[in-house]
Amino acid sequence: MKNPYLIALTAGLITAAAIKAVPAYAEPVGTQTFVSRVQTSDLDLSSASGSRQLQQRLTLAAREVCGTASDADVAGKNDVRKCRDDALARATGDQAALLTAASRGAVIAITASR
């Protein structure tokens, strides 16, 4: 008859190896795209206050889609800041087209992948 301690030890090692190997079989986490829509139909873009309100809405939408990082995570903070800058740059890239669309009451989409 085999030693019960040897059987238990072998079973424990096999179990530990199986548990350790499970993450290797997991699929990699893909990026997810987040979208925020900015309403412009209620803004008067011919006024300074309307343009300022549009910029505030775009900035808030960029914050929403890019999320936040912990104050202790400096690299994460930098990534979030870059994400916000990129999202705003994409949304406001062609300023004339943006203002034309917004003056017609179009909904502006702010997107970010993370």
Protein backbone atom coordinates (compact mmCIF):
# COMPACT_ATOMS: atom_id res chain seq x y z
CA MET A 1 0.00 0.00 0.00
CA LYS A 2 1.25 3.48 -0.83
CA ASN A 3 2.12 6.05 1.76
CA PRO A 4 -0.96 8.32 2.36
CA TYR A 5 1.30 11.32 2.94
CA LEU A 6 2.92 10.82 -0.45
CA ILE A 7 -0.51 10.61 -2.10
CA ALA A 8 -1.69 13.78 -0.34
CA LEU A 9 1.52 15.63 -1.23
CA THR A 10 1.25 14.59 -4.89
CA ALA A 11 -2.41 15.61 -5.04
CA GLY A 12 -1.55 18.97 -3.46
CA LEU A 13 1.25 19.60 -5.96
CA ILE A 14 -0.97 18.69 -8.90
CA THR A 15 -3.72 20.97 -7.61
CA ALA A 16 -1.27 23.85 -7.06
CA ALA A 17 0.14 23.41 -10.56
CA ALA A 18 -3.36 23.43 -12.07
CA ILE A 19 -4.33 26.58 -10.15
CA LYS A 20 -1.09 28.29 -11.15
CA ALA A 21 -1.63 27.38 -14.84
CA VAL A 22 -5.20 28.71 -15.11
CA PRO A 23 -4.21 32.39 -15.67
CA ALA A 24 -1.98 31.31 -18.54
CA TYR A 25 -5.05 29.99 -20.35
CA ALA A 26 -7.10 33.13 -19.77
CA GLU A 27 -7.72 35.32 -22.77
CA PRO A 28 -6.02 38.71 -22.76
CA VAL A 29 -8.17 41.64 -21.79
CA GLY A 30 -8.96 43.77 -24.83
CA THR A 31 -9.47 47.48 -24.94
CA GLN A 32 -12.93 48.87 -24.55
CA THR A 33 -14.25 51.99 -26.27
CA PHE A 34 -16.24 54.48 -24.23
CA VAL A 35 -18.50 57.10 -25.80
CA SER A 36 -20.09 60.22 -24.37
CA ARG A 37 -22.52 62.35 -26.36
CA VAL A 38 -22.58 66.13 -26.00
CA GLN A 39 -25.86 67.89 -26.77
CA THR A 40 -25.48 71.24 -28.54
CA SER A 41 -29.03 72.10 -29.57
CA ASP A 42 -29.60 74.35 -26.55
CA LEU A 43 -26.42 76.41 -27.02
CA ASP A 44 -26.10 79.80 -28.69
CA LEU A 45 -22.65 79.44 -30.24
CA SER A 46 -22.66 82.98 -31.57
CA SER A 47 -22.10 84.17 -28.00
CA ALA A 48 -18.97 83.79 -25.89
CA SER A 49 -20.92 82.11 -23.11
CA GLY A 50 -22.34 79.52 -25.53
CA SER A 51 -18.87 78.69 -26.85
CA ARG A 52 -17.55 78.47 -23.30
CA GLN A 53 -20.42 76.15 -22.33
CA LEU A 54 -19.66 73.91 -25.33
CA GLN A 55 -16.00 73.69 -24.29
CA GLN A 56 -17.01 72.83 -20.73
CA ARG A 57 -19.32 70.08 -21.95
CA LEU A 58 -16.61 68.64 -24.20
CA THR A 59 -14.12 68.69 -21.32
CA LEU A 60 -16.57 66.94 -18.99
CA ALA A 61 -17.31 64.33 -21.66
CA ALA A 62 -13.57 63.68 -22.09
CA ARG A 63 -13.26 63.20 -18.32
CA GLU A 64 -16.18 60.79 -18.39
CA VAL A 65 -14.82 58.57 -21.17
CA CYS A 66 -11.22 58.55 -19.91
CA GLY A 67 -12.00 57.80 -16.29
CA THR A 68 -9.73 58.57 -13.36
CA ALA A 69 -6.61 57.17 -11.78
CA SER A 70 -5.54 56.93 -8.18
CA ASP A 71 -3.53 59.84 -6.80
CA ALA A 72 -0.81 57.35 -5.95
CA ASP A 73 -0.59 56.11 -9.57
CA VAL A 74 1.54 58.73 -11.34
CA ALA A 75 1.76 56.75 -14.58
CA GLY A 76 -2.01 56.22 -14.52
CA LYS A 77 -2.59 59.94 -13.97
CA ASN A 78 -0.39 60.71 -16.98
CA ASP A 79 -2.26 58.14 -19.10
CA VAL A 80 -5.61 59.67 -18.13
CA ARG A 81 -4.36 63.18 -18.92
CA LYS A 82 -3.11 62.01 -22.34
CA CYS A 83 -6.41 60.23 -22.99
CA ARG A 84 -8.35 63.42 -22.23
CA ASP A 85 -6.09 65.53 -24.44
CA ASP A 86 -6.40 63.03 -27.30
CA ALA A 87 -10.20 62.76 -26.94
CA LEU A 88 -10.59 66.55 -27.01
CA ALA A 89 -8.21 66.85 -29.96
CA ARG A 90 -10.24 64.31 -31.93
CA ALA A 91 -13.51 66.04 -31.08
CA THR A 92 -12.29 69.56 -31.82
CA GLY A 93 -9.81 68.77 -34.60
CA ASP A 94 -11.63 70.74 -37.26
CA GLN A 95 -12.93 73.70 -35.30
CA ALA A 96 -14.94 75.13 -38.20
CA ALA A 97 -16.72 71.82 -38.83
CA LEU A 98 -17.34 71.42 -35.10
CA LEU A 99 -18.94 74.85 -34.79
CA THR A 100 -21.01 74.31 -37.94
CA ALA A 101 -22.33 70.99 -36.67
CA ALA A 102 -22.96 72.37 -33.19
CA SER A 103 -24.81 75.40 -34.56
CA ARG A 104 -27.19 72.98 -36.32
CA GLY A 105 -27.83 71.23 -32.99
CA ALA A 106 -25.79 68.14 -33.77
CA VAL A 107 -24.75 65.73 -31.05
CA ILE A 108 -20.97 65.55 -30.72
CA ALA A 109 -19.47 62.22 -29.71
CA ILE A 110 -16.36 62.05 -27.52
CA THR A 111 -14.67 58.65 -27.62
CA ALA A 112 -11.76 56.98 -25.86
CA SER A 113 -10.38 53.46 -25.87
CA ARG A 114 -8.81 52.10 -22.75
